């Protein structure tokens, strides 16, 4: 207890209080905010209860909000309290103002990641276009009139592999990357965007943002240098996800089919890059672009190039173009576009085009475009991203994030009537930005950024472990080759009994590694929106 003391001159001193009483308010603020931060970052309970569709990103937002609120309360207390002198107040608020000015002057761009984290780009750092221009200048050489295609070069010609299911044939990989580290063949800066690469004839084909143009580029697989480029005016901008094209090109024979984020579809010669035809699928369908841009890789079936512009006005949810001329062959379906790619499937002995669009999953007749069947599976803002996976016995699996979960369907044909019946539905798998892979009765996927294995017969979880963010992966033999969002390369055993990370090595920097990998033979091409690297993996 404090008390007044009599001084030598007979006056009374001001009562002195213990430090904890003088600073009781800020202590309480720090304890409450600190406790909330500990609970928030050690559990996901708060986020899952309040906003389950945004649980992972909400955890980040809650943590940031609590910190800012706590700091604001502390500064407010400091401003009105008499426990802190005016000189100290001026020093503290002056320092804060100075830091704020320095940050405003120094920051060029704040980039949002998949879970509402941020990456800061400083003004003294070289821009992406500057880095790319310097690389091109240092590696410039006379371009050949036409590249001589190598028929024996490794091939990876489609999004997530030949069947768009993530399963890639080839030799077994050695999984001890410490004893047998991958050999880096080349590394180079690239333009922006989130499309994957495809490989054929000794070329790696990409579509990316370079200044104010979308550019289809062919890189020499041996050196990484540009062999040819084909530029088109266009710059898709989206602050939350990022700028640039999204859809992985497709190679069929000696032709490249590339789709830009704003709907420009082009057919180019693989060897020279010469344009054969172009059209804008959004204009053709009288459709508006979706929030994160056109993302579906063109699907080529015989003479048809199938894309998903979405279009209620002209019934052009799915559209097929003539592969030779670029003329529209058919339209089908009313649903707005999603972010998945069309896929070819054989169900009830009938080949058809599957599309996981904004309203759900549908099968379309390949000859007429007619929608044969549909299963409604709506998610937040129509954000259906993952590829539909065909399982044995006419079953199809899809999964989406934002608390939507996953569903297994049984597709039947009874006479002339198609039906899609739900076998099970579960929230054990929520693939927000990637696709799942089916292997030996089990399904593997990134459940809100954490690798998960579920039983395909009932949807029950076998295990969930390994944080790889919103990355992408493929399967070789019994090994999952994962390109994590952080840029790490991880090898994980496709084992339903337990999670086993066989290896993990850093490869790419910059975060937001959302582009799909390309694995052909012993070559693995990884890229994000900053750089690309070609690795030679050790094989058995």
Protein backbone atom coordinates (compact mmCIF):
# COMPACT_ATOMS: atom_id res chain seq x y z
CA UNK A 1 0.00 0.00 0.00
CA UNK A 2 1.34 3.46 -0.89
CA UNK A 3 1.54 6.26 1.67
CA UNK A 4 2.51 9.95 1.78
CA UNK A 5 5.86 10.83 3.27
CA UNK A 6 6.75 14.09 5.15
CA UNK A 7 9.70 15.87 3.60
CA UNK A 8 12.30 17.93 5.50
CA UNK A 9 10.47 21.16 4.68
CA UNK A 10 7.26 19.79 6.15
CA UNK A 11 5.47 19.22 2.77
CA UNK A 12 3.92 15.95 1.72
CA UNK A 13 5.26 13.90 -1.23
CA UNK A 14 3.01 12.60 -4.01
CA UNK A 15 1.93 9.02 -3.26
CA UNK A 16 4.11 6.52 -5.14
CA UNK A 17 2.44 3.47 -6.73
CA UNK A 18 3.96 0.15 -7.75
CA UNK A 19 4.84 -0.09 -11.45
CA UNK A 20 2.11 -2.65 -12.13
CA UNK A 21 -0.54 -0.21 -10.86
CA UNK A 22 0.81 2.71 -12.87
CA UNK A 23 0.82 0.67 -16.04
CA UNK A 24 -2.17 -1.55 -15.28
CA UNK A 25 -4.07 -0.69 -18.50
CA UNK A 26 -1.22 -1.41 -20.99
CA UNK A 27 -0.36 -4.60 -19.10
CA UNK A 28 -3.94 -5.83 -19.46
CA UNK A 29 -3.94 -4.93 -23.19
CA UNK A 30 -0.69 -6.81 -23.82
CA UNK A 31 -1.87 -9.87 -21.86
CA UNK A 32 -5.23 -10.04 -23.68
CA UNK A 33 -3.80 -9.51 -27.16
CA UNK A 34 -0.90 -11.88 -26.50
CA UNK A 35 -3.26 -14.55 -25.21
CA UNK A 36 -5.50 -14.20 -28.25
CA UNK A 37 -2.51 -14.42 -30.61
CA UNK A 38 -1.29 -17.60 -28.90
CA UNK A 39 -4.72 -19.24 -29.15
CA UNK A 40 -5.22 -18.02 -32.73
CA UNK A 41 -1.92 -19.36 -34.04
CA UNK A 42 -1.95 -22.65 -32.13
CA UNK A 43 -5.55 -23.56 -33.02
CA UNK A 44 -7.91 -22.78 -35.84
CA UNK A 45 -11.05 -23.02 -33.73
CA UNK A 46 -12.03 -19.35 -33.82
CA UNK A 47 -11.71 -19.05 -37.58
CA UNK A 48 -13.47 -22.35 -38.27
CA UNK A 49 -16.46 -21.31 -36.15
CA UNK A 50 -16.82 -17.77 -37.47
CA UNK A 51 -15.90 -18.12 -41.15
CA UNK A 52 -15.34 -21.80 -42.02
CA UNK A 53 -15.02 -21.10 -45.75
CA UNK A 54 -12.06 -18.81 -45.02
CA UNK A 55 -10.64 -20.61 -41.99
CA UNK A 56 -6.97 -20.61 -42.99
CA UNK A 57 -6.82 -17.04 -44.31
CA UNK A 58 -9.11 -15.81 -41.53
CA UNK A 59 -6.60 -17.03 -38.97
CA UNK A 60 -4.06 -14.68 -40.53
CA UNK A 61 -6.56 -11.81 -40.67
CA UNK A 62 -7.65 -12.31 -37.04
CA UNK A 63 -4.04 -12.34 -35.88
CA UNK A 64 -3.20 -9.18 -37.81
CA UNK A 65 -6.35 -7.40 -36.61
CA UNK A 66 -5.65 -8.28 -32.96
CA UNK A 67 -2.10 -6.94 -33.24
CA UNK A 68 -3.23 -3.67 -34.86
CA UNK A 69 -6.07 -3.24 -32.35
CA UNK A 70 -3.72 -3.85 -29.43
CA UNK A 71 -1.14 -1.41 -30.79
CA UNK A 72 -3.85 1.20 -31.34
CA UNK A 73 -5.13 0.82 -27.77
CA UNK A 74 -1.61 1.14 -26.37
CA UNK A 75 -0.97 4.30 -28.37
CA UNK A 76 -4.37 5.69 -27.35
CA UNK A 77 -3.58 5.04 -23.69
CA UNK A 78 -0.18 6.66 -24.06
CA UNK A 79 -1.77 9.73 -25.63
CA UNK A 80 -4.19 10.40 -22.73
CA UNK A 81 -2.30 9.04 -19.70
CA UNK A 82 -0.37 11.15 -17.24
CA UNK A 83 1.97 8.27 -16.45
CA UNK A 84 4.10 9.12 -19.49
CA UNK A 85 5.78 12.50 -19.90
CA UNK A 86 5.05 14.80 -22.81
CA UNK A 87 8.63 14.45 -24.05
CA UNK A 88 8.35 10.65 -24.25
CA UNK A 89 5.01 10.94 -26.05
CA UNK A 90 6.52 13.26 -28.66
CA UNK A 91 9.45 10.91 -29.17
CA UNK A 92 7.24 7.83 -29.59
CA UNK A 93 4.72 9.39 -31.98
CA UNK A 94 7.48 11.16 -33.89
CA UNK A 95 9.28 7.84 -34.38
CA UNK A 96 6.06 6.21 -35.58
CA UNK A 97 5.46 9.02 -38.09
CA UNK A 98 9.05 8.74 -39.35
CA UNK A 99 8.74 4.96 -39.83
CA UNK A 100 5.42 5.40 -41.67
CA UNK A 101 6.92 7.94 -44.06
CA UNK A 102 9.95 5.73 -44.72
CA UNK A 103 7.71 2.76 -45.50
CA UNK A 104 5.50 4.78 -47.85
CA UNK A 105 8.57 6.01 -49.72
CA UNK A 106 10.33 2.60 -49.79
CA UNK A 107 7.54 0.16 -50.70
CA UNK A 108 6.77 -0.31 -54.38
CA UNK A 109 4.14 -3.04 -54.05
CA UNK A 110 2.52 -5.22 -51.39
CA UNK A 111 1.66 -8.60 -52.87
CA UNK A 112 -1.10 -10.73 -51.41
CA UNK A 113 -0.55 -14.48 -51.01
CA UNK A 114 -3.09 -17.29 -50.94
CA UNK A 115 -3.78 -17.01 -47.20
CA UNK A 116 -3.83 -13.21 -46.92
CA UNK A 117 -0.19 -12.95 -45.98
CA UNK A 118 1.82 -10.28 -47.73
CA UNK A 119 5.09 -10.08 -49.62
CA UNK A 120 6.70 -6.64 -49.72
CA UNK A 121 8.56 -5.48 -52.83
CA UNK A 122 10.93 -2.59 -52.16
CA UNK A 123 11.64 0.26 -54.57
CA UNK A 124 15.36 -0.49 -54.67
CA UNK A 125 14.72 -4.04 -55.86
CA UNK A 126 14.70 -4.69 -59.59
CA UNK A 127 11.27 -5.18 -61.04
CA UNK A 128 10.31 -8.44 -62.66
CA UNK A 129 10.42 -6.86 -66.12
CA UNK A 130 13.88 -5.39 -65.40
CA UNK A 131 15.25 -8.77 -64.30
CA UNK A 132 13.81 -10.44 -67.38
CA UNK A 133 15.15 -7.73 -69.71
CA UNK A 134 18.66 -8.06 -68.24
CA UNK A 135 18.53 -11.82 -68.67
CA UNK A 136 17.42 -11.56 -72.28
CA UNK A 137 20.13 -9.03 -73.03
CA UNK A 138 22.83 -11.22 -71.50
CA UNK A 139 21.64 -14.33 -73.37
CA UNK A 140 20.64 -12.74 -76.66
CA UNK A 141 21.60 -14.60 -79.82
CA UNK A 142 20.23 -14.71 -83.37
CA UNK A 143 16.96 -16.61 -83.35
CA UNK A 144 16.70 -19.52 -85.78
CA UNK A 145 14.18 -19.19 -88.60
CA UNK A 146 12.53 -22.36 -87.32
CA UNK A 147 13.56 -24.54 -84.42
CA UNK A 148 14.41 -28.13 -85.36
CA UNK A 149 12.11 -30.22 -83.20
CA UNK A 150 13.59 -33.24 -81.45
CA UNK A 151 11.13 -36.11 -81.68
CA UNK A 152 12.95 -38.00 -78.90
CA UNK A 153 12.91 -35.15 -76.38
CA UNK A 154 10.89 -35.63 -73.17
CA UNK A 155 7.18 -34.81 -73.48
CA UNK A 156 4.70 -33.33 -71.05
CA UNK A 157 2.08 -31.90 -73.36
CA UNK A 158 -0.95 -31.24 -71.17
CA UNK A 159 -1.99 -29.70 -67.87
CA UNK A 160 -1.17 -32.15 -65.04
CA UNK A 161 -0.17 -34.85 -67.52
CA UNK A 162 -1.64 -36.64 -70.47
CA UNK A 163 -5.02 -37.38 -68.83
CA UNK A 164 -5.14 -34.24 -66.66
CA UNK A 165 -5.22 -36.47 -63.59
CA UNK A 166 -1.74 -35.76 -62.21
CA UNK A 167 -0.42 -39.26 -62.95
CA UNK A 168 2.85 -39.19 -64.89
CA UNK A 169 4.57 -42.25 -66.34
CA UNK A 170 8.31 -42.66 -66.22
CA UNK A 171 11.18 -44.21 -64.27
CA UNK A 172 11.04 -44.50 -60.49
CA UNK A 173 12.66 -41.62 -58.64
CA UNK A 174 15.43 -41.90 -56.08
CA UNK A 175 13.98 -40.30 -52.99
CA UNK A 176 17.14 -39.55 -51.00
CA UNK A 177 17.80 -36.07 -52.35
CA UNK A 178 20.58 -35.53 -49.83
CA UNK A 179 22.67 -38.43 -51.15
CA UNK A 180 21.43 -37.85 -54.71
CA UNK A 181 20.61 -34.13 -55.06
CA UNK A 182 18.77 -32.91 -58.18
CA UNK A 183 21.03 -31.39 -60.83
CA UNK A 184 20.10 -27.86 -61.85
CA UNK A 185 20.31 -27.60 -65.64
CA UNK A 186 19.25 -23.97 -65.88
CA UNK A 187 17.49 -21.22 -63.97
CA UNK A 188 16.10 -17.98 -65.35
CA UNK A 189 13.69 -15.11 -64.62
CA UNK A 190 10.29 -15.28 -66.31
CA UNK A 191 7.27 -13.07 -66.84
CA UNK A 192 4.36 -12.95 -64.41
CA UNK A 193 1.38 -15.27 -64.26
CA UNK A 194 0.38 -18.65 -62.89
CA UNK A 195 0.25 -20.93 -65.94
CA UNK A 196 2.30 -24.11 -65.96
CA UNK A 197 4.71 -25.16 -68.72
CA UNK A 198 4.37 -27.95 -71.28
CA UNK A 199 7.21 -29.78 -73.04
CA UNK A 200 7.64 -31.25 -76.51
CA UNK A 201 10.24 -31.42 -79.26
CA UNK A 202 12.97 -29.99 -77.05
CA UNK A 203 10.95 -26.87 -76.20
CA UNK A 204 9.26 -25.70 -73.02
CA UNK A 205 6.15 -23.63 -73.78
CA UNK A 206 4.79 -21.03 -71.36
CA UNK A 207 2.38 -18.11 -71.40
CA UNK A 208 3.29 -15.15 -69.19
CA UNK A 209 2.98 -11.41 -68.63
CA UNK A 210 5.76 -9.21 -70.03
CA UNK A 211 5.09 -5.52 -69.41
CA UNK A 212 1.74 -4.79 -71.13
CA UNK A 213 1.64 -7.95 -73.26
CA UNK A 214 0.63 -11.55 -72.76
CA UNK A 215 3.43 -13.56 -74.35
CA UNK A 216 3.52 -17.18 -75.48
CA UNK A 217 7.18 -18.15 -75.20
CA UNK A 218 9.15 -21.20 -76.30
CA UNK A 219 12.30 -21.93 -74.27
CA UNK A 220 15.10 -24.23 -75.36
CA UNK A 221 14.91 -27.18 -72.98
CA UNK A 222 18.71 -27.50 -73.02
CA UNK A 223 19.58 -23.89 -72.18
CA UNK A 224 16.39 -22.16 -71.01
CA UNK A 225 16.86 -19.38 -73.58
CA UNK A 226 13.96 -17.98 -75.58
CA UNK A 227 13.69 -19.62 -79.00
CA UNK A 228 10.61 -17.67 -80.09
CA UNK A 229 7.94 -15.44 -78.56
CA UNK A 230 4.51 -14.38 -79.72
CA UNK A 231 3.09 -11.25 -78.02
CA UNK A 232 -0.49 -10.03 -77.71
CA UNK A 233 -1.62 -6.77 -76.08
CA UNK A 234 -3.26 -7.48 -72.76
CA UNK A 235 -2.62 -7.19 -69.05
CA UNK A 236 -5.01 -8.94 -66.70
CA UNK A 237 -4.75 -7.31 -63.27
CA UNK A 238 -6.15 -8.65 -60.02
CA UNK A 239 -4.78 -7.27 -56.74
CA UNK A 240 -5.76 -10.17 -54.50
CA UNK A 241 -4.54 -13.07 -56.64
CA UNK A 242 -1.99 -11.35 -58.85
CA UNK A 243 -1.53 -10.31 -62.46
CA UNK A 244 -0.95 -12.27 -65.65
CA UNK A 245 -2.30 -15.34 -67.49
CA UNK A 246 -3.42 -18.47 -65.65
CA UNK A 247 -4.18 -21.23 -68.16
CA UNK A 248 -1.47 -23.78 -68.98
CA UNK A 249 -0.96 -24.14 -72.77
CA UNK A 250 -1.63 -27.43 -74.56
CA UNK A 251 0.59 -29.09 -77.18
CA UNK A 252 -0.89 -31.51 -79.71
CA UNK A 253 1.38 -32.68 -82.51
CA UNK A 254 3.21 -29.60 -83.80
CA UNK A 255 0.65 -27.11 -82.56
CA UNK A 256 0.41 -25.00 -79.42
CA UNK A 257 -2.95 -23.87 -78.03
CA UNK A 258 -2.72 -21.05 -75.50
CA UNK A 259 -5.47 -19.15 -73.66
CA UNK A 260 -4.89 -15.72 -72.11
CA UNK A 261 -6.50 -14.50 -68.89
CA UNK A 262 -8.87 -12.20 -70.81
CA UNK A 263 -10.06 -14.88 -73.23
CA UNK A 264 -7.68 -14.68 -76.22
CA UNK A 265 -7.23 -18.20 -77.63
CA UNK A 266 -4.44 -18.73 -80.18
CA UNK A 267 -3.11 -21.66 -82.19
CA UNK A 268 0.62 -21.44 -82.97
CA UNK A 269 3.16 -23.55 -84.81
CA UNK A 270 5.34 -25.34 -82.26
CA UNK A 271 8.62 -24.96 -84.16
CA UNK A 272 8.35 -21.33 -85.26
CA UNK A 273 5.62 -19.71 -83.14
CA UNK A 274 3.80 -18.55 -86.26
CA UNK A 275 0.12 -17.90 -85.62
CA UNK A 276 -2.40 -20.14 -87.37
CA UNK A 277 -5.55 -18.58 -85.92
CA UNK A 278 -6.89 -16.62 -82.97
CA UNK A 279 -10.24 -15.81 -81.38
CA UNK A 280 -11.54 -14.38 -78.12
CA UNK A 281 -13.69 -16.94 -76.36
CA UNK A 282 -15.37 -14.36 -74.08
CA UNK A 283 -16.45 -12.21 -77.04
CA UNK A 284 -17.64 -15.27 -78.94
CA UNK A 285 -19.77 -16.36 -75.97
CA UNK A 286 -20.93 -12.84 -75.09
CA UNK A 287 -19.64 -13.55 -71.59
CA UNK A 288 -17.97 -11.43 -68.93
CA UNK A 289 -14.63 -12.43 -67.49
CA UNK A 290 -14.59 -13.99 -64.04
CA UNK A 291 -12.82 -12.55 -60.99
CA UNK A 292 -9.48 -14.33 -61.39
CA UNK A 293 -9.50 -14.61 -65.16
CA UNK A 294 -9.76 -17.45 -67.66
CA UNK A 295 -7.85 -20.36 -66.09
CA UNK A 296 -8.82 -23.55 -67.93
CA UNK A 297 -6.22 -25.17 -70.17
CA UNK A 298 -7.61 -25.83 -73.71
CA UNK A 299 -8.62 -29.46 -74.20
CA UNK A 300 -7.94 -30.88 -77.67
CA UNK A 301 -9.97 -33.94 -78.70
CA UNK A 302 -9.57 -34.97 -82.33
CA UNK A 303 -10.42 -31.81 -84.33
CA UNK A 304 -12.01 -29.98 -81.39
CA UNK A 305 -10.40 -27.38 -79.10
CA UNK A 306 -12.65 -27.22 -76.03
CA UNK A 307 -12.68 -24.27 -73.61
CA UNK A 308 -14.90 -22.93 -70.82
CA UNK A 309 -15.81 -19.24 -71.31
CA UNK A 310 -19.13 -19.52 -69.49
CA UNK A 311 -22.09 -17.78 -71.04
CA UNK A 312 -25.74 -17.76 -70.07
CA UNK A 313 -26.82 -15.49 -72.94
CA UNK A 314 -25.77 -17.78 -75.78
CA UNK A 315 -25.70 -21.12 -73.92
CA UNK A 316 -21.92 -21.17 -74.32
CA UNK A 317 -20.79 -22.54 -70.98
CA UNK A 318 -18.54 -24.92 -72.90
CA UNK A 319 -17.38 -24.21 -76.45
CA UNK A 320 -15.54 -26.24 -79.11
CA UNK A 321 -13.52 -24.68 -81.94
CA UNK A 322 -12.27 -26.32 -85.12
CA UNK A 323 -8.63 -27.18 -84.52
CA UNK A 324 -7.62 -26.28 -88.10
CA UNK A 325 -9.57 -23.09 -88.72
CA UNK A 326 -10.55 -21.77 -85.30
CA UNK A 327 -14.23 -21.60 -86.25
CA UNK A 328 -16.81 -22.32 -83.57
CA UNK A 329 -18.21 -25.86 -83.81
CA UNK A 330 -20.67 -25.94 -80.94
CA UNK A 331 -21.77 -24.42 -77.63
CA UNK A 332 -23.36 -26.14 -74.67
CA UNK A 333 -24.50 -25.33 -71.14
CA UNK A 334 -25.45 -22.10 -69.36
CA UNK A 335 -23.19 -22.10 -66.33
CA UNK A 336 -20.64 -19.34 -65.71
CA UNK A 337 -17.02 -20.44 -65.99
CA UNK A 338 -15.03 -21.84 -63.11
CA UNK A 339 -11.26 -22.15 -62.73
CA UNK A 340 -10.93 -25.83 -63.62
CA UNK A 341 -9.89 -27.19 -67.03
CA UNK A 342 -12.08 -29.32 -69.32
CA UNK A 343 -11.22 -33.01 -69.12
CA UNK A 344 -11.92 -36.04 -71.30
CA UNK A 345 -13.67 -38.99 -69.66
CA UNK A 346 -15.32 -42.23 -70.65
CA UNK A 347 -18.45 -42.86 -68.58
CA UNK A 348 -20.99 -45.58 -69.32
CA UNK A 349 -18.89 -46.41 -72.40
CA UNK A 350 -19.42 -42.87 -73.73
CA UNK A 351 -16.58 -40.42 -74.24
CA UNK A 352 -17.52 -36.96 -73.04
CA UNK A 353 -16.05 -33.65 -71.91
CA UNK A 354 -16.22 -32.98 -68.18
CA UNK A 355 -16.21 -29.44 -66.79
CA UNK A 356 -16.18 -28.34 -63.15
CA UNK A 357 -17.64 -24.87 -63.61
CA UNK A 358 -19.07 -22.23 -61.28
CA UNK A 359 -22.28 -24.18 -60.68
CA UNK A 360 -20.91 -27.70 -60.40
CA UNK A 361 -19.85 -30.69 -62.48
CA UNK A 362 -21.26 -31.54 -65.91
CA UNK A 363 -20.68 -33.94 -68.78
CA UNK A 364 -21.02 -32.73 -72.40
CA UNK A 365 -21.49 -34.62 -75.65
CA UNK A 366 -18.33 -34.33 -77.76
CA UNK A 367 -20.16 -34.03 -81.07
CA UNK A 368 -22.89 -31.53 -80.20
CA UNK A 369 -21.83 -29.92 -76.93
CA UNK A 370 -25.15 -30.90 -75.36
CA UNK A 371 -25.07 -31.06 -71.59
CA UNK A 372 -25.74 -34.74 -70.85
CA UNK A 373 -25.89 -34.50 -67.06
CA UNK A 374 -25.13 -32.06 -64.25
CA UNK A 375 -24.51 -32.22 -60.50
CA UNK A 376 -24.86 -28.93 -58.65
CA UNK A 377 -21.86 -28.18 -56.45
CA UNK A 378 -21.83 -24.47 -55.78
CA UNK A 379 -19.09 -22.83 -53.77
CA UNK A 380 -18.24 -19.32 -52.63
CA UNK A 381 -18.12 -17.04 -55.69
CA UNK A 382 -18.14 -20.08 -58.00
CA UNK A 383 -14.50 -20.83 -57.12
CA UNK A 384 -14.26 -24.42 -58.34
CA UNK A 385 -10.62 -25.05 -59.25
CA UNK A 386 -9.64 -28.71 -58.94
CA UNK A 387 -9.77 -31.15 -61.83
CA UNK A 388 -12.59 -33.71 -61.91
CA UNK A 389 -11.10 -37.18 -61.44
CA UNK A 390 -12.56 -40.26 -63.09
CA UNK A 391 -12.49 -43.37 -60.88
CA UNK A 392 -13.33 -46.98 -61.85
CA UNK A 393 -16.96 -48.03 -62.29
CA UNK A 394 -18.16 -44.73 -63.82
CA UNK A 395 -17.44 -42.69 -60.73
CA UNK A 396 -16.23 -39.07 -60.71
CA UNK A 397 -14.68 -37.13 -57.82
CA UNK A 398 -14.43 -33.36 -57.32
CA UNK A 399 -13.28 -31.18 -54.45
CA UNK A 400 -13.33 -27.44 -53.72
CA UNK A 401 -12.21 -25.09 -50.98
CA UNK A 402 -14.08 -22.48 -48.94
CA UNK A 403 -15.62 -25.22 -46.78
CA UNK A 404 -17.27 -26.88 -49.79
CA UNK A 405 -15.52 -30.23 -49.35
CA UNK A 406 -15.63 -33.15 -51.75
CA UNK A 407 -18.16 -35.41 -53.41
CA UNK A 408 -18.03 -38.76 -55.21
CA UNK A 409 -20.61 -39.32 -57.95
CA UNK A 410 -21.87 -42.39 -59.74
CA UNK A 411 -22.75 -41.48 -63.35
CA UNK A 412 -25.33 -43.71 -65.04
CA UNK A 413 -27.00 -44.02 -68.43
CA UNK A 414 -30.46 -45.59 -68.39
CA UNK A 415 -31.76 -45.73 -71.94
CA UNK A 416 -31.33 -42.13 -73.09
CA UNK A 417 -31.35 -40.64 -69.58
CA UNK A 418 -28.16 -39.66 -67.77
CA UNK A 419 -28.02 -39.29 -63.99
CA UNK A 420 -25.28 -38.36 -61.54
CA UNK A 421 -25.99 -39.78 -58.09
CA UNK A 422 -24.07 -38.84 -54.96
CA UNK A 423 -22.20 -41.77 -53.40
CA UNK A 424 -20.79 -39.73 -50.51
CA UNK A 425 -20.02 -36.15 -49.57
CA UNK A 426 -17.39 -35.08 -47.07
CA UNK A 427 -15.45 -32.09 -45.80
CA UNK A 428 -12.31 -34.14 -45.24
CA UNK A 429 -10.86 -32.78 -48.50
CA UNK A 430 -11.13 -29.10 -49.43
CA UNK A 431 -8.87 -28.36 -52.42
CA UNK A 432 -8.86 -24.60 -52.72
CA UNK A 433 -6.32 -23.97 -55.51
CA UNK A 434 -5.11 -27.38 -56.64
CA UNK A 435 -6.27 -30.80 -57.78
CA UNK A 436 -6.39 -34.23 -56.18
CA UNK A 437 -4.86 -37.49 -57.39
CA UNK A 438 -6.47 -40.95 -57.24
CA UNK A 439 -4.12 -43.86 -56.57
CA UNK A 440 -4.92 -47.45 -55.60
CA UNK A 441 -8.25 -46.78 -53.91
CA UNK A 442 -7.24 -43.57 -52.19
CA UNK A 443 -7.33 -39.86 -52.99
CA UNK A 444 -4.48 -37.48 -52.15
CA UNK A 445 -4.86 -33.70 -52.08
CA UNK A 446 -4.00 -30.47 -50.31
CA UNK A 447 -6.80 -29.91 -47.83
CA UNK A 448 -6.60 -26.13 -47.28
CA UNK A 449 -2.85 -26.38 -47.76
CA UNK A 450 -2.19 -29.55 -45.73
CA UNK A 451 -1.57 -32.86 -47.53
CA UNK A 452 -4.36 -35.30 -46.87
CA UNK A 453 -5.25 -38.87 -47.82
CA UNK A 454 -8.84 -40.12 -47.85
CA UNK A 455 -10.47 -43.46 -48.63
CA UNK A 456 -12.13 -43.23 -52.04
CA UNK A 457 -14.90 -45.66 -51.06
CA UNK A 458 -16.33 -43.55 -48.22
CA UNK A 459 -14.46 -40.23 -48.05
CA UNK A 460 -13.07 -40.92 -44.58
CA UNK A 461 -9.69 -39.45 -43.75
CA UNK A 462 -6.71 -41.77 -43.44
CA UNK A 463 -4.22 -39.06 -42.44
CA UNK A 464 -3.52 -35.36 -42.74
CA UNK A 465 -0.02 -33.93 -42.37
CA UNK A 466 2.60 -31.86 -44.17
CA UNK A 467 2.03 -28.17 -44.80
CA UNK A 468 2.70 -27.36 -48.47
CA UNK A 469 0.32 -24.42 -48.86
CA UNK A 470 -1.54 -23.94 -52.12
CA UNK A 471 1.00 -25.82 -54.19
CA UNK A 472 0.64 -28.34 -57.01
CA UNK A 473 1.77 -31.94 -57.38
CA UNK A 474 1.94 -34.98 -59.63
CA UNK A 475 2.38 -38.71 -59.01
CA UNK A 476 5.23 -40.86 -60.33
CA UNK A 477 4.94 -44.54 -59.37
CA UNK A 478 4.27 -44.40 -55.60
CA UNK A 479 5.81 -40.98 -54.99
CA UNK A 480 4.02 -37.63 -54.87
CA UNK A 481 6.21 -34.92 -56.40
CA UNK A 482 5.04 -31.74 -54.70
CA UNK A 483 5.83 -28.18 -55.68
CA UNK A 484 4.96 -26.37 -52.45
CA UNK A 485 3.58 -22.84 -52.43
CA UNK A 486 6.78 -21.76 -50.67
CA UNK A 487 8.84 -22.94 -53.64
CA UNK A 488 10.17 -26.09 -51.94
CA UNK A 489 10.29 -29.42 -53.77
CA UNK A 490 9.01 -32.29 -51.64
CA UNK A 491 8.74 -36.02 -52.26
CA UNK A 492 6.08 -37.84 -50.24
CA UNK A 493 5.19 -41.54 -50.26
CA UNK A 494 1.73 -42.27 -51.69
CA UNK A 495 0.99 -44.51 -48.72
CA UNK A 496 -2.54 -44.57 -47.27
CA UNK A 497 -1.33 -45.92 -43.93
CA UNK A 498 0.90 -43.02 -42.91
CA UNK A 499 2.40 -39.72 -43.98
CA UNK A 500 6.06 -40.05 -44.94
CA UNK A 501 7.99 -37.11 -46.32
CA UNK A 502 10.87 -38.70 -48.19
CA UNK A 503 12.71 -35.50 -49.08
CA UNK A 504 12.35 -31.74 -49.12
CA UNK A 505 14.67 -29.18 -50.72
CA UNK A 506 14.30 -25.45 -51.47
CA UNK A 507 14.10 -24.66 -55.18
CA UNK A 508 12.20 -21.43 -55.89
CA UNK A 509 11.85 -18.22 -53.89
CA UNK A 510 9.27 -15.47 -53.83
CA UNK A 511 6.31 -17.50 -52.54
CA UNK A 512 3.02 -17.89 -54.43
CA UNK A 513 4.36 -20.89 -56.35
CA UNK A 514 0.98 -21.81 -57.79
CA UNK A 515 2.04 -22.91 -61.29
CA UNK A 516 1.65 -26.61 -62.07
CA UNK A 517 4.92 -28.60 -62.46
CA UNK A 518 5.95 -30.45 -65.61
CA UNK A 519 7.62 -33.86 -65.10
CA UNK A 520 8.92 -35.78 -68.13
CA UNK A 521 11.40 -38.63 -67.83
CA UNK A 522 13.98 -37.43 -65.33
CA UNK A 523 13.36 -33.72 -66.05
CA UNK A 524 11.27 -31.57 -63.72
CA UNK A 525 10.40 -28.02 -64.77
CA UNK A 526 9.22 -25.81 -61.93
CA UNK A 527 8.21 -22.17 -62.15
CA UNK A 528 6.32 -19.46 -60.35
CA UNK A 529 5.53 -15.84 -61.24
CA UNK A 530 9.21 -14.82 -60.87
CA UNK A 531 11.52 -17.56 -62.14
CA UNK A 532 11.75 -21.00 -63.71
CA UNK A 533 14.20 -23.82 -63.08
CA UNK A 534 14.83 -27.12 -64.86
CA UNK A 535 16.04 -29.97 -62.66
CA UNK A 536 17.38 -33.39 -63.55
CA UNK A 537 16.05 -35.77 -60.93
CA UNK A 538 17.91 -38.92 -59.87
CA UNK A 539 16.11 -42.04 -61.08
CA UNK A 540 16.43 -45.72 -60.31
